[in-house]
């Protein structure tokens, strides 16, 4: 097993990770799984945060769960993006428009990208906790879709 770079990313492999955007070789399944597993590990804390009144933090974390899922999908194809908006556009172009993931997953990703920006950078009331819990359920469904797609692609390789 490879070493982690400062503990912040997936296990290192023979190539240097590029966060600047672009295309690299398709990544080994362990890196894709690492991102999906990370998304899954964050799910229970989001529900606890909502119930503890930390709705603003939960909004950001729902976004990051979706970001981790999207990152895994694009990395499996050797694609990396520097900007969050570029990753969102790629998910819609590469997955939603091609029918590989549901329109609801793509819509959720766009919604929580916007909600996180408001929650993090604007003076605004937090969303209704029930709404954030609904987003959490959507993120769980997105994760399930992504795991299925990753398995299907892996079996074709």
C-alpha atoms as a PDB file:
ATOM      1  CA  UNK A   1       0.000   0.000   0.000  1.00  0.00           C
ATOM      2  CA  UNK A   2       1.294   3.470  -0.883  1.00  0.00           C
ATOM      3  CA  UNK A   3       2.029   6.320   1.461  1.00  0.00           C
ATOM      4  CA  UNK A   4      -0.382   9.145   2.016  1.00  0.00           C
ATOM      5  CA  UNK A   5       0.759  12.642   1.190  1.00  0.00           C
ATOM      6  CA  UNK A   6       0.430  14.521   4.487  1.00  0.00           C
ATOM      7  CA  UNK A   7      -2.553  12.299   5.287  1.00  0.00           C
ATOM      8  CA  UNK A   8      -4.777  14.411   3.041  1.00  0.00           C
ATOM      9  CA  UNK A   9      -5.303  12.314  -0.018  1.00  0.00           C
ATOM     10  CA  UNK A  10      -5.680   8.817  -1.302  1.00  0.00           C
ATOM     11  CA  UNK A  11      -2.722   6.456  -1.206  1.00  0.00           C
ATOM     12  CA  UNK A  12       0.048   7.611  -3.512  1.00  0.00           C
ATOM     13  CA  UNK A  13       0.894   5.607  -6.608  1.00  0.00           C
ATOM     14  CA  UNK A  14       3.546   5.805  -9.272  1.00  0.00           C
ATOM     15  CA  UNK A  15       2.361   9.159 -10.590  1.00  0.00           C
ATOM     16  CA  UNK A  16       2.069  12.568  -8.999  1.00  0.00           C
ATOM     17  CA  UNK A  17      -1.515  13.602  -8.357  1.00  0.00           C
ATOM     18  CA  UNK A  18      -2.543  16.681 -10.296  1.00  0.00           C
ATOM     19  CA  UNK A  19      -5.018  19.043  -8.733  1.00  0.00           C
ATOM     20  CA  UNK A  20      -4.649  21.653 -11.451  1.00  0.00           C
ATOM     21  CA  UNK A  21      -7.181  20.078 -13.779  1.00  0.00           C
ATOM     22  CA  UNK A  22      -6.718  18.049 -16.874  1.00  0.00           C
ATOM     23  CA  UNK A  23      -6.448  14.463 -17.863  1.00  0.00           C
ATOM     24  CA  UNK A  24      -4.145  11.804 -16.499  1.00  0.00           C
ATOM     25  CA  UNK A  25      -4.169   8.046 -16.810  1.00  0.00           C
ATOM     26  CA  UNK A  26      -7.217   6.273 -15.371  1.00  0.00           C
ATOM     27  CA  UNK A  27      -6.558   5.655 -11.713  1.00  0.00           C
ATOM     28  CA  UNK A  28      -6.310   2.362  -9.940  1.00  0.00           C
ATOM     29  CA  UNK A  29      -9.492   1.181  -8.251  1.00  0.00           C
ATOM     30  CA  UNK A  30      -8.065   1.768  -4.758  1.00  0.00           C
ATOM     31  CA  UNK A  31      -8.011   5.538  -5.304  1.00  0.00           C
ATOM     32  CA  UNK A  32     -11.556   5.582  -6.617  1.00  0.00           C
ATOM     33  CA  UNK A  33     -12.694   3.438  -3.688  1.00  0.00           C
ATOM     34  CA  UNK A  34     -10.841   5.708  -1.272  1.00  0.00           C
ATOM     35  CA  UNK A  35     -12.944   8.710  -2.363  1.00  0.00           C
ATOM     36  CA  UNK A  36     -16.200   6.731  -2.233  1.00  0.00           C
ATOM     37  CA  UNK A  37     -15.343   5.306   1.180  1.00  0.00           C
ATOM     38  CA  UNK A  38     -14.492   8.790   2.418  1.00  0.00           C
ATOM     39  CA  UNK A  39     -17.925   9.996   1.297  1.00  0.00           C
ATOM     40  CA  UNK A  40     -19.577   7.145   3.162  1.00  0.00           C
ATOM     41  CA  UNK A  41     -17.599   7.842   6.341  1.00  0.00           C
ATOM     42  CA  UNK A  42     -18.881  11.437   6.402  1.00  0.00           C
ATOM     43  CA  UNK A  43     -22.581  10.509   6.244  1.00  0.00           C
ATOM     44  CA  UNK A  44     -23.280   9.727   9.940  1.00  0.00           C
ATOM     45  CA  UNK A  45     -21.684  12.978  11.139  1.00  0.00           C
ATOM     46  CA  UNK A  46     -23.946  15.037   8.893  1.00  0.00           C
ATOM     47  CA  UNK A  47     -27.088  13.649  10.481  1.00  0.00           C
ATOM     48  CA  UNK A  48     -25.642  14.225  13.962  1.00  0.00           C
ATOM     49  CA  UNK A  49     -24.734  17.806  13.055  1.00  0.00           C
ATOM     50  CA  UNK A  50     -28.269  18.549  11.871  1.00  0.00           C
ATOM     51  CA  UNK A  51     -29.746  17.106  15.056  1.00  0.00           C
ATOM     52  CA  UNK A  52     -27.227  19.097  17.133  1.00  0.00           C
ATOM     53  CA  UNK A  53     -28.237  22.342  15.414  1.00  0.00           C
ATOM     54  CA  UNK A  54     -25.083  22.631  13.304  1.00  0.00           C
ATOM     55  CA  UNK A  55     -27.047  22.964  10.081  1.00  0.00           C
ATOM     56  CA  UNK A  56     -24.551  25.300   8.381  1.00  0.00           C
ATOM     57  CA  UNK A  57     -21.763  22.765   8.864  1.00  0.00           C
ATOM     58  CA  UNK A  58     -24.014  19.962   7.652  1.00  0.00           C
ATOM     59  CA  UNK A  59     -24.729  21.882   4.428  1.00  0.00           C
ATOM     60  CA  UNK A  60     -21.025  22.084   3.645  1.00  0.00           C
ATOM     61  CA  UNK A  61     -20.503  18.456   4.527  1.00  0.00           C
ATOM     62  CA  UNK A  62     -23.347  17.264   2.281  1.00  0.00           C
ATOM     63  CA  UNK A  63     -21.671  19.208  -0.505  1.00  0.00           C
ATOM     64  CA  UNK A  64     -18.308  17.599   0.219  1.00  0.00           C
ATOM     65  CA  UNK A  65     -19.841  14.121   0.224  1.00  0.00           C
ATOM     66  CA  UNK A  66     -21.150  14.856  -3.278  1.00  0.00           C
ATOM     67  CA  UNK A  67     -17.777  16.348  -4.228  1.00  0.00           C
ATOM     68  CA  UNK A  68     -15.983  13.179  -3.081  1.00  0.00           C
ATOM     69  CA  UNK A  69     -18.382  11.049  -5.139  1.00  0.00           C
ATOM     70  CA  UNK A  70     -17.947  13.226  -8.221  1.00  0.00           C
ATOM     71  CA  UNK A  71     -14.176  13.186  -7.779  1.00  0.00           C
ATOM     72  CA  UNK A  72     -14.181   9.383  -7.681  1.00  0.00           C
ATOM     73  CA  UNK A  73     -16.252   9.130 -10.852  1.00  0.00           C
ATOM     74  CA  UNK A  74     -14.030  11.518 -12.790  1.00  0.00           C
ATOM     75  CA  UNK A  75     -10.793  10.038 -11.429  1.00  0.00           C
ATOM     76  CA  UNK A  76     -11.870   6.598 -12.583  1.00  0.00           C
ATOM     77  CA  UNK A  77     -11.791   8.057 -16.088  1.00  0.00           C
ATOM     78  CA  UNK A  78      -8.476   9.847 -15.509  1.00  0.00           C
ATOM     79  CA  UNK A  79      -9.996  13.323 -15.272  1.00  0.00           C
ATOM     80  CA  UNK A  80      -9.235  15.886 -12.578  1.00  0.00           C
ATOM     81  CA  UNK A  81     -10.544  19.414 -12.098  1.00  0.00           C
ATOM     82  CA  UNK A  82      -9.139  22.427 -10.267  1.00  0.00           C
ATOM     83  CA  UNK A  83     -12.408  24.288  -9.749  1.00  0.00           C
ATOM     84  CA  UNK A  84     -15.490  22.987  -7.985  1.00  0.00           C
ATOM     85  CA  UNK A  85     -17.693  24.487 -10.698  1.00  0.00           C
ATOM     86  CA  UNK A  86     -15.682  22.680 -13.387  1.00  0.00           C
ATOM     87  CA  UNK A  87     -16.211  19.354 -11.619  1.00  0.00           C
ATOM     88  CA  UNK A  88     -19.952  20.044 -11.357  1.00  0.00           C
ATOM     89  CA  UNK A  89     -20.111  20.874 -15.073  1.00  0.00           C
ATOM     90  CA  UNK A  90     -18.194  17.695 -15.899  1.00  0.00           C
ATOM     91  CA  UNK A  91     -20.545  15.529 -13.842  1.00  0.00           C
ATOM     92  CA  UNK A  92     -23.529  16.991 -15.653  1.00  0.00           C
ATOM     93  CA  UNK A  93     -21.863  16.624 -19.063  1.00  0.00           C
ATOM     94  CA  UNK A  94     -20.200  13.225 -18.584  1.00  0.00           C
ATOM     95  CA  UNK A  95     -22.777  11.456 -16.432  1.00  0.00           C
ATOM     96  CA  UNK A  96     -26.193  13.125 -16.223  1.00  0.00           C
ATOM     97  CA  UNK A  97     -26.557  14.038 -19.896  1.00  0.00           C
ATOM     98  CA  UNK A  98     -25.371  10.572 -20.905  1.00  0.00           C
ATOM     99  CA  UNK A  99     -27.824   8.890 -18.524  1.00  0.00           C
ATOM    100  CA  UNK A 100     -25.095   7.259 -16.418  1.00  0.00           C
ATOM    101  CA  UNK A 101     -26.358   8.819 -13.201  1.00  0.00           C
ATOM    102  CA  UNK A 102     -29.800  10.149 -12.421  1.00  0.00           C
ATOM    103  CA  UNK A 103     -30.859  13.702 -13.104  1.00  0.00           C
ATOM    104  CA  UNK A 104     -31.759  13.954  -9.424  1.00  0.00           C
ATOM    105  CA  UNK A 105     -28.136  13.202  -8.438  1.00  0.00           C
ATOM    106  CA  UNK A 106     -26.878  15.860 -10.832  1.00  0.00           C
ATOM    107  CA  UNK A 107     -29.449  18.366  -9.596  1.00  0.00           C
ATOM    108  CA  UNK A 108     -28.540  17.634  -5.992  1.00  0.00           C
ATOM    109  CA  UNK A 109     -24.854  18.212  -6.713  1.00  0.00           C
ATOM    110  CA  UNK A 110     -25.601  21.587  -8.307  1.00  0.00           C
ATOM    111  CA  UNK A 111     -27.966  22.519  -5.470  1.00  0.00           C
ATOM    112  CA  UNK A 112     -25.547  21.711  -2.651  1.00  0.00           C
ATOM    113  CA  UNK A 113     -22.661  23.410  -4.494  1.00  0.00           C
ATOM    114  CA  UNK A 114     -24.734  26.605  -4.447  1.00  0.00           C
ATOM    115  CA  UNK A 115     -26.019  26.047  -0.895  1.00  0.00           C
ATOM    116  CA  UNK A 116     -22.485  25.549   0.419  1.00  0.00           C
ATOM    117  CA  UNK A 117     -21.353  28.821  -1.148  1.00  0.00           C
ATOM    118  CA  UNK A 118     -24.225  30.655   0.529  1.00  0.00           C
ATOM    119  CA  UNK A 119     -23.686  28.888   3.847  1.00  0.00           C
ATOM    120  CA  UNK A 120     -19.930  29.521   3.852  1.00  0.00           C
ATOM    121  CA  UNK A 121     -19.681  33.021   2.427  1.00  0.00           C
ATOM    122  CA  UNK A 122     -22.929  34.939   2.894  1.00  0.00           C
ATOM    123  CA  UNK A 123     -24.862  36.199   5.872  1.00  0.00           C
ATOM    124  CA  UNK A 124     -27.985  34.097   5.571  1.00  0.00           C
ATOM    125  CA  UNK A 125     -30.201  31.906   7.665  1.00  0.00           C
ATOM    126  CA  UNK A 126     -29.369  28.224   7.605  1.00  0.00           C
ATOM    127  CA  UNK A 127     -31.649  26.048   5.499  1.00  0.00           C
ATOM    128  CA  UNK A 128     -34.417  24.138   7.196  1.00  0.00           C
ATOM    129  CA  UNK A 129     -32.940  21.068   8.928  1.00  0.00           C
ATOM    130  CA  UNK A 130     -35.501  18.813   7.215  1.00  0.00           C
ATOM    131  CA  UNK A 131     -34.300  20.103   3.855  1.00  0.00           C
ATOM    132  CA  UNK A 132     -30.680  19.306   4.722  1.00  0.00           C
ATOM    133  CA  UNK A 133     -31.690  15.809   5.839  1.00  0.00           C
ATOM    134  CA  UNK A 134     -33.431  15.365   2.467  1.00  0.00           C
ATOM    135  CA  UNK A 135     -30.195  16.417   0.747  1.00  0.00           C
ATOM    136  CA  UNK A 136     -28.381  13.849   2.880  1.00  0.00           C
ATOM    137  CA  UNK A 137     -30.732  11.124   1.635  1.00  0.00           C
ATOM    138  CA  UNK A 138     -30.072  12.306  -1.918  1.00  0.00           C
ATOM    139  CA  UNK A 139     -26.325  12.104  -1.297  1.00  0.00           C
ATOM    140  CA  UNK A 140     -26.740   8.521  -0.072  1.00  0.00           C
ATOM    141  CA  UNK A 141     -28.600   7.679  -3.290  1.00  0.00           C
ATOM    142  CA  UNK A 142     -25.883   9.406  -5.365  1.00  0.00           C
ATOM    143  CA  UNK A 143     -23.247   7.332  -3.553  1.00  0.00           C
ATOM    144  CA  UNK A 144     -25.167   4.138  -4.285  1.00  0.00           C
ATOM    145  CA  UNK A 145     -25.444   5.053  -7.978  1.00  0.00           C
ATOM    146  CA  UNK A 146     -21.742   5.872  -8.126  1.00  0.00           C
ATOM    147  CA  UNK A 147     -20.702   2.593  -6.486  1.00  0.00           C
ATOM    148  CA  UNK A 148     -22.844   0.669  -8.982  1.00  0.00           C
ATOM    149  CA  UNK A 149     -21.347   2.552 -11.930  1.00  0.00           C
ATOM    150  CA  UNK A 150     -17.792   2.087 -10.651  1.00  0.00           C
ATOM    151  CA  UNK A 151     -18.368  -1.670 -10.252  1.00  0.00           C
ATOM    152  CA  UNK A 152     -19.849  -1.920 -13.753  1.00  0.00           C
ATOM    153  CA  UNK A 153     -16.889  -0.106 -15.272  1.00  0.00           C
ATOM    154  CA  UNK A 154     -14.392  -2.175 -13.300  1.00  0.00           C
ATOM    155  CA  UNK A 155     -15.965  -5.414 -14.513  1.00  0.00           C
ATOM    156  CA  UNK A 156     -15.583  -4.248 -18.130  1.00  0.00           C
ATOM    157  CA  UNK A 157     -11.860  -3.550 -17.682  1.00  0.00           C
END
